[in-house]
Amino acid sequence: MAILGEPALISDIVDPLGPRGDAVVSEAIVPMWRQRLRIFMHNKLAIASVAYLVLVLLFCYVGPIFYHTNQTNQATALNVVWNAHPSAQHWLGTDSSGFDELGRIMYGGEYSLTLGMLAGLITILVGTIYGMVSGFVGGVVDTVMMRILDAFLSIPYLFLLISLFTIFSRSTSFLIIIIGVTGWWANARIIRGDALLIKKLEYTQAATAMGASKFHIIRRHVFPNSISNIVTVATFSVADAILFLSALGFLGLGILPPQTDWGTMLQNGTAQISNGYWWEIYPLALIFILVVVAINYIGDALRDTFEVRLLER
């Protein structure tokens, strides 16, 4: 160390640059994707939910490859004992139609999960576009679009679905389309609120003053800063679509036989529970409830994951 009044030695001078002339960085910058992954992994319930959901997907889509059962032709199942107790031949017994119950849960899960995810995707796409356009454009356009939305929200949703399925066809494609195009109303309000807030921020107003188009501002500013709510709403939309599909099946308006879904199976199992055939409702009810709960936990974790304020600068 140099003494006061004496010239400093070369070894006493601290070079702010590295040995190759690079600036010394005290702390490496953590990539944004890694920060988000760390936030998500911090939520133990979300990790357990993802693991459970993966197991259910493998169970429904890969399980039938290893557990072969007849689920499409009831005629060949007539020689099987109806409502048979669980055994080595039928691990969860048979239902009131003679179908293997375990295989039926897999078969119904394919339709419930596939239709639910597709309908949820339609829901979030339509709701996001509608809400962003309404909130960002504002003025008369926003007023008219919101009044239309209020009129839709005043209609009881489940009764609307029942009416539509009573009047029109109950095909698989129709189920997806109807649940998808009628389930976005509440989502559009949430996205509209984000658009109203973001368009008043300074960087959005600066982009407008520099001549940026509305489409450019929505694409570069409104959408990226609304991604937290969009991802969360999308996750919940899938859970809602599965619930509504199951509710229709429980009311007898689900997929037409020999196809089935979890709601239709629960309705059939409820009719047999008084006879002591517990295997026709309890295993499926447990799987179904945990799937919906797991999706909701994942949605909560994704909301925190995409929250900009939780990321390091």
Protein backbone atom coordinates (compact mmCIF):
# COMPACT_ATOMS: atom_id res chain seq x y z
CA MET A 1 0.00 0.00 0.00
CA ALA A 2 1.34 3.42 -0.91
CA ILE A 3 2.14 5.80 1.97
CA LEU A 4 0.79 9.33 1.85
CA GLY A 5 3.24 11.54 -0.02
CA GLU A 6 4.96 8.66 -1.81
CA PRO A 7 4.25 7.65 -5.40
CA ALA A 8 1.97 4.71 -5.81
CA LEU A 9 3.40 1.48 -7.11
CA ILE A 10 1.96 -0.23 -10.16
CA SER A 11 0.83 -3.11 -7.96
CA ASP A 12 -1.19 -0.69 -5.86
CA ILE A 13 -3.29 0.53 -8.78
CA VAL A 14 -6.58 -1.34 -9.16
CA ASP A 15 -7.33 -1.92 -12.80
CA PRO A 16 -11.08 -1.62 -13.38
CA LEU A 17 -10.69 -3.77 -16.48
CA GLY A 18 -10.10 -7.48 -16.62
CA PRO A 19 -6.91 -9.11 -17.88
CA ARG A 20 -8.21 -8.89 -21.46
CA GLY A 21 -9.56 -5.37 -21.17
CA ASP A 22 -13.11 -6.46 -20.47
CA ALA A 23 -15.11 -4.70 -17.79
CA VAL A 24 -15.34 -6.75 -14.61
CA VAL A 25 -18.94 -7.75 -13.93
CA SER A 26 -19.56 -8.37 -10.29
CA GLU A 27 -22.57 -10.54 -10.95
CA ALA A 28 -23.54 -12.44 -14.08
CA ILE A 29 -26.85 -11.48 -15.68
CA VAL A 30 -29.43 -14.21 -15.22
CA PRO A 31 -31.45 -14.90 -18.40
CA MET A 32 -35.13 -14.07 -18.16
CA TRP A 33 -36.26 -17.62 -18.91
CA ARG A 34 -34.12 -18.91 -16.06
CA GLN A 35 -35.56 -16.35 -13.66
CA ARG A 36 -39.07 -17.41 -14.64
CA LEU A 37 -38.21 -21.08 -14.26
CA ARG A 38 -36.78 -20.39 -10.81
CA ILE A 39 -39.96 -18.57 -9.76
CA PHE A 40 -42.11 -21.43 -11.02
CA MET A 41 -39.95 -24.10 -9.36
CA HIS A 42 -40.25 -22.25 -6.06
CA ASN A 43 -43.97 -23.16 -6.02
CA LYS A 44 -43.97 -26.76 -4.78
CA LEU A 45 -47.71 -27.21 -5.29
CA ALA A 46 -47.34 -26.19 -8.93
CA ILE A 47 -44.54 -28.72 -9.45
CA ALA A 48 -46.68 -31.46 -7.91
CA SER A 49 -49.60 -30.36 -10.09
CA VAL A 50 -47.49 -30.54 -13.25
CA ALA A 51 -46.26 -34.01 -12.30
CA TYR A 52 -49.82 -35.19 -11.64
CA LEU A 53 -51.13 -33.70 -14.88
CA VAL A 54 -48.35 -35.40 -16.87
CA LEU A 55 -49.25 -38.72 -15.23
CA VAL A 56 -52.92 -38.25 -16.13
CA LEU A 57 -52.05 -37.39 -19.74
CA LEU A 58 -49.85 -40.50 -20.00
CA PHE A 59 -52.58 -42.54 -18.34
CA CYS A 60 -55.26 -41.41 -20.81
CA TYR A 61 -53.26 -41.28 -24.06
CA VAL A 62 -50.57 -43.94 -23.55
CA GLY A 63 -52.36 -46.25 -21.11
CA PRO A 64 -54.69 -47.84 -23.71
CA ILE A 65 -51.63 -49.08 -25.61
CA PHE A 66 -50.74 -51.35 -22.69
CA TYR A 67 -54.19 -51.95 -21.17
CA HIS A 68 -56.29 -53.22 -24.07
CA THR A 69 -60.07 -53.02 -23.65
CA ASN A 70 -63.08 -52.72 -25.91
CA GLN A 71 -64.65 -49.27 -25.54
CA THR A 72 -66.47 -48.78 -28.84
CA ASN A 73 -68.59 -51.86 -29.49
CA GLN A 74 -71.01 -52.64 -26.71
CA ALA A 75 -72.25 -55.77 -28.48
CA THR A 76 -68.99 -57.61 -27.83
CA ALA A 77 -69.14 -56.54 -24.20
CA LEU A 78 -72.51 -58.19 -23.59
CA ASN A 79 -70.86 -61.46 -22.64
CA VAL A 80 -69.04 -59.64 -19.85
CA VAL A 81 -70.67 -59.44 -16.43
CA TRP A 82 -72.28 -56.04 -15.88
CA ASN A 83 -71.26 -54.11 -12.76
CA ALA A 84 -68.59 -56.73 -12.03
CA HIS A 85 -66.41 -56.16 -8.98
CA PRO A 86 -62.72 -55.28 -9.46
CA SER A 87 -60.68 -58.35 -10.33
CA ALA A 88 -57.47 -59.44 -12.03
CA GLN A 89 -59.29 -59.34 -15.38
CA HIS A 90 -60.94 -55.96 -14.79
CA TRP A 91 -58.83 -53.90 -12.40
CA LEU A 92 -61.65 -51.46 -11.62
CA GLY A 93 -64.51 -53.77 -12.48
CA THR A 94 -67.07 -53.10 -15.21
CA ASP A 95 -69.80 -50.49 -15.54
CA SER A 96 -73.55 -50.86 -16.10
CA SER A 97 -72.94 -51.45 -19.83
CA GLY A 98 -70.28 -54.11 -19.36
CA PHE A 99 -67.36 -51.90 -20.35
CA ASP A 100 -64.09 -52.18 -18.43
CA GLU A 101 -64.15 -49.22 -16.01
CA LEU A 102 -60.41 -48.52 -16.00
CA GLY A 103 -60.27 -48.53 -19.79
CA ARG A 104 -63.41 -46.39 -19.85
CA ILE A 105 -61.74 -43.75 -17.68
CA MET A 106 -58.82 -43.64 -20.14
CA TYR A 107 -61.15 -43.47 -23.12
CA GLY A 108 -63.34 -40.75 -21.60
CA GLY A 109 -60.30 -38.81 -20.46
CA GLU A 110 -59.02 -38.54 -24.02
CA TYR A 111 -62.20 -36.77 -25.08
CA SER A 112 -62.56 -34.63 -21.95
CA LEU A 113 -58.96 -33.38 -21.96
CA THR A 114 -58.70 -32.91 -25.73
CA LEU A 115 -62.01 -31.07 -26.04
CA GLY A 116 -61.26 -29.02 -22.94
CA MET A 117 -57.84 -27.88 -24.18
CA LEU A 118 -59.10 -27.04 -27.68
CA ALA A 119 -62.12 -25.14 -26.36
CA GLY A 120 -59.91 -23.30 -23.86
CA LEU A 121 -57.55 -22.30 -26.67
CA ILE A 122 -60.42 -20.83 -28.69
CA THR A 123 -61.67 -19.05 -25.59
CA ILE A 124 -58.41 -17.27 -24.82
CA LEU A 125 -57.72 -16.34 -28.46
CA VAL A 126 -61.11 -14.71 -28.96
CA GLY A 127 -61.15 -13.11 -25.51
CA THR A 128 -57.63 -11.69 -25.86
CA ILE A 129 -58.28 -10.13 -29.27
CA TYR A 130 -61.67 -8.73 -28.27
CA GLY A 131 -60.43 -7.31 -24.95
CA MET A 132 -57.28 -5.71 -26.38
CA VAL A 133 -59.09 -4.05 -29.27
CA SER A 134 -61.84 -2.76 -27.00
CA GLY A 135 -59.52 -1.43 -24.29
CA PHE A 136 -56.86 0.10 -26.52
CA VAL A 137 -59.07 1.71 -29.17
CA GLY A 138 -61.46 3.12 -26.56
CA GLY A 139 -64.10 5.71 -27.26
CA VAL A 140 -67.30 4.71 -29.04
CA VAL A 141 -65.79 1.39 -30.13
CA ASP A 142 -65.06 0.41 -26.54
CA THR A 143 -68.53 1.47 -25.39
CA VAL A 144 -70.32 -0.55 -28.07
CA MET A 145 -68.13 -3.63 -27.57
CA MET A 146 -68.61 -3.55 -23.80
CA ARG A 147 -72.38 -3.20 -24.08
CA ILE A 148 -72.44 -6.24 -26.33
CA LEU A 149 -70.33 -8.06 -23.77
CA ASP A 150 -72.70 -7.01 -20.96
CA ALA A 151 -75.61 -8.45 -22.94
CA PHE A 152 -73.76 -11.77 -23.30
CA LEU A 153 -72.84 -11.84 -19.61
CA SER A 154 -76.48 -11.33 -18.61
CA ILE A 155 -77.34 -14.74 -20.11
CA PRO A 156 -76.85 -17.70 -17.71
CA TYR A 157 -73.98 -19.54 -19.35
CA LEU A 158 -74.96 -23.12 -18.54
CA PHE A 159 -78.56 -22.55 -19.65
CA LEU A 160 -77.27 -21.08 -22.91
CA LEU A 161 -75.17 -24.18 -23.57
CA ILE A 162 -78.08 -26.48 -22.76
CA SER A 163 -80.33 -24.56 -25.16
CA LEU A 164 -77.78 -24.65 -27.97
CA PHE A 165 -77.12 -28.37 -27.59
CA THR A 166 -80.84 -29.09 -27.44
CA ILE A 167 -81.49 -27.20 -30.69
CA PHE A 168 -78.40 -28.15 -32.68
CA SER A 169 -76.16 -31.17 -33.14
CA ARG A 170 -74.10 -32.69 -30.31
CA SER A 171 -71.11 -33.61 -32.45
CA THR A 172 -67.58 -33.38 -31.08
CA SER A 173 -66.70 -30.41 -33.30
CA PHE A 174 -69.84 -28.57 -32.24
CA LEU A 175 -68.99 -29.10 -28.57
CA ILE A 176 -65.54 -27.57 -29.03
CA ILE A 177 -66.78 -24.59 -31.03
CA ILE A 178 -69.73 -23.72 -28.81
CA ILE A 179 -67.82 -23.96 -25.52
CA GLY A 180 -64.93 -22.03 -27.08
CA VAL A 181 -66.88 -19.15 -28.64
CA THR A 182 -69.19 -18.68 -25.66
CA GLY A 183 -66.65 -18.92 -22.83
CA TRP A 184 -64.48 -15.86 -23.51
CA TRP A 185 -66.73 -13.11 -22.15
CA ALA A 186 -65.22 -12.82 -18.66
CA ASN A 187 -61.70 -13.24 -20.10
CA ALA A 188 -62.21 -10.29 -22.45
CA ARG A 189 -62.99 -8.01 -19.50
CA ILE A 190 -59.74 -8.95 -17.76
CA ILE A 191 -57.62 -8.33 -20.87
CA ARG A 192 -59.47 -5.07 -21.56
CA GLY A 193 -58.50 -3.82 -18.10
CA ASP A 194 -54.83 -4.45 -18.88
CA ALA A 195 -55.13 -2.63 -22.21
CA LEU A 196 -56.77 0.39 -20.57
CA LEU A 197 -53.95 0.61 -18.02
CA ILE A 198 -51.03 0.06 -20.41
CA LYS A 199 -52.17 2.58 -23.01
CA LYS A 200 -51.94 5.34 -20.38
CA LEU A 201 -48.33 4.57 -19.43
CA GLU A 202 -45.52 6.86 -20.51
CA TYR A 203 -43.75 4.51 -22.93
CA THR A 204 -47.03 3.81 -24.74
CA GLN A 205 -47.80 7.51 -25.06
CA ALA A 206 -44.23 8.15 -26.25
CA ALA A 207 -44.63 5.49 -28.96
CA THR A 208 -47.90 7.09 -30.02
CA ALA A 209 -46.26 10.54 -30.20
CA MET A 210 -43.50 9.09 -32.40
CA GLY A 211 -46.11 7.93 -34.90
CA ALA A 212 -46.33 4.23 -34.07
CA SER A 213 -49.50 2.54 -35.33
CA LYS A 214 -52.07 1.05 -32.98
CA PHE A 215 -51.28 -2.45 -34.20
CA HIS A 216 -47.57 -1.88 -33.50
CA ILE A 217 -48.26 -0.63 -29.97
CA ILE A 218 -50.57 -3.57 -29.23
CA ARG A 219 -47.99 -6.04 -30.56
CA ARG A 220 -44.90 -4.50 -28.94
CA HIS A 221 -46.26 -3.01 -25.71
CA VAL A 222 -49.79 -4.08 -24.76
CA PHE A 223 -49.49 -7.80 -25.47
CA PRO A 224 -46.04 -8.38 -23.84
CA ASN A 225 -47.08 -6.52 -20.69
CA SER A 226 -50.38 -8.40 -20.49
CA ILE A 227 -48.82 -11.84 -20.88
CA SER A 228 -49.09 -12.58 -17.15
CA ASN A 229 -52.88 -12.28 -17.15
CA ILE A 230 -53.20 -13.89 -20.58
CA VAL A 231 -51.33 -17.03 -19.52
CA THR A 232 -53.25 -17.21 -16.24
CA VAL A 233 -56.62 -16.75 -17.92
CA ALA A 234 -55.68 -19.31 -20.59
CA THR A 235 -54.90 -21.91 -17.91
CA PHE A 236 -58.15 -21.27 -16.07
CA SER A 237 -60.05 -21.36 -19.38
CA VAL A 238 -58.90 -24.93 -19.97
CA ALA A 239 -60.11 -25.94 -16.50
CA ASP A 240 -63.44 -24.16 -17.07
CA ALA A 241 -63.90 -25.84 -20.44
CA ILE A 242 -63.31 -29.29 -18.91
CA LEU A 243 -65.78 -28.45 -16.13
CA PHE A 244 -68.47 -27.23 -18.53
CA LEU A 245 -68.01 -30.24 -20.79
CA SER A 246 -68.34 -32.53 -17.79
CA ALA A 247 -71.39 -30.62 -16.57
CA LEU A 248 -73.08 -31.13 -19.94
CA GLY A 249 -72.19 -34.80 -19.86
CA PHE A 250 -73.58 -35.09 -16.33
CA LEU A 251 -76.85 -33.58 -17.59
CA GLY A 252 -76.98 -36.06 -20.46
CA LEU A 253 -75.93 -33.58 -23.14
CA GLY A 254 -72.33 -34.68 -23.59
CA ILE A 255 -70.68 -36.76 -26.28
CA LEU A 256 -72.93 -39.25 -28.03
CA PRO A 257 -72.27 -42.96 -27.34
CA PRO A 258 -70.34 -45.14 -27.86
CA GLN A 259 -67.94 -42.25 -27.22
CA THR A 260 -67.96 -40.90 -23.70
CA ASP A 261 -66.53 -38.24 -21.44
CA TRP A 262 -65.93 -37.98 -17.71
CA GLY A 263 -69.17 -36.09 -17.08
CA THR A 264 -71.27 -38.78 -18.74
CA MET A 265 -69.43 -41.46 -16.78
CA LEU A 266 -70.05 -39.63 -13.50
CA GLN A 267 -73.75 -39.38 -14.35
CA ASN A 268 -73.92 -43.12 -15.03
CA GLY A 269 -71.94 -43.91 -11.90
CA THR A 270 -74.21 -41.77 -9.73
CA ALA A 271 -77.18 -43.88 -10.81
CA GLN A 272 -75.36 -47.03 -9.63
CA ILE A 273 -73.82 -45.78 -6.37
CA SER A 274 -76.94 -46.69 -4.37
CA ASN A 275 -76.37 -50.33 -5.39
CA GLY A 276 -72.90 -50.29 -3.84
CA TYR A 277 -70.95 -50.12 -7.10
CA TRP A 278 -68.44 -47.62 -5.73
CA TRP A 279 -65.82 -48.31 -8.43
CA GLU A 280 -68.05 -46.65 -11.03
CA ILE A 281 -67.77 -43.18 -9.48
CA TYR A 282 -65.15 -42.74 -6.75
CA PRO A 283 -61.92 -43.41 -8.74
CA LEU A 284 -63.07 -41.22 -11.63
CA ALA A 285 -64.35 -38.47 -9.31
CA LEU A 286 -60.98 -38.34 -7.54
CA ILE A 287 -59.06 -38.15 -10.84
CA PHE A 288 -61.39 -35.49 -12.23
CA ILE A 289 -61.31 -33.24 -9.14
CA LEU A 290 -57.53 -33.43 -8.85
CA VAL A 291 -57.12 -32.55 -12.55
CA VAL A 292 -59.16 -29.36 -12.15
CA VAL A 293 -57.35 -28.43 -8.92
CA ALA A 294 -53.95 -29.11 -10.50
CA ILE A 295 -54.70 -26.88 -13.49
CA ASN A 296 -55.71 -24.06 -11.15
CA TYR A 297 -52.51 -24.39 -9.11
CA ILE A 298 -50.48 -24.30 -12.33
CA GLY A 299 -52.35 -21.15 -13.39
CA ASP A 300 -51.51 -19.43 -10.10
CA ALA A 301 -47.84 -20.33 -10.50
CA LEU A 302 -47.74 -19.14 -14.12
CA ARG A 303 -49.21 -15.80 -13.05
CA ASP A 304 -46.26 -15.27 -10.72
CA THR A 305 -43.82 -16.64 -13.30
CA PHE A 306 -44.77 -14.07 -15.94
CA GLU A 307 -45.13 -11.18 -13.48
CA VAL A 308 -42.56 -8.62 -14.59
CA ARG A 309 -42.19 -7.09 -11.14
CA LEU A 310 -40.79 -10.37 -9.76
CA LEU A 311 -37.97 -10.47 -12.32
CA GLU A 312 -34.49 -9.08 -11.68
CA ARG A 313 -33.35 -6.13 -13.71
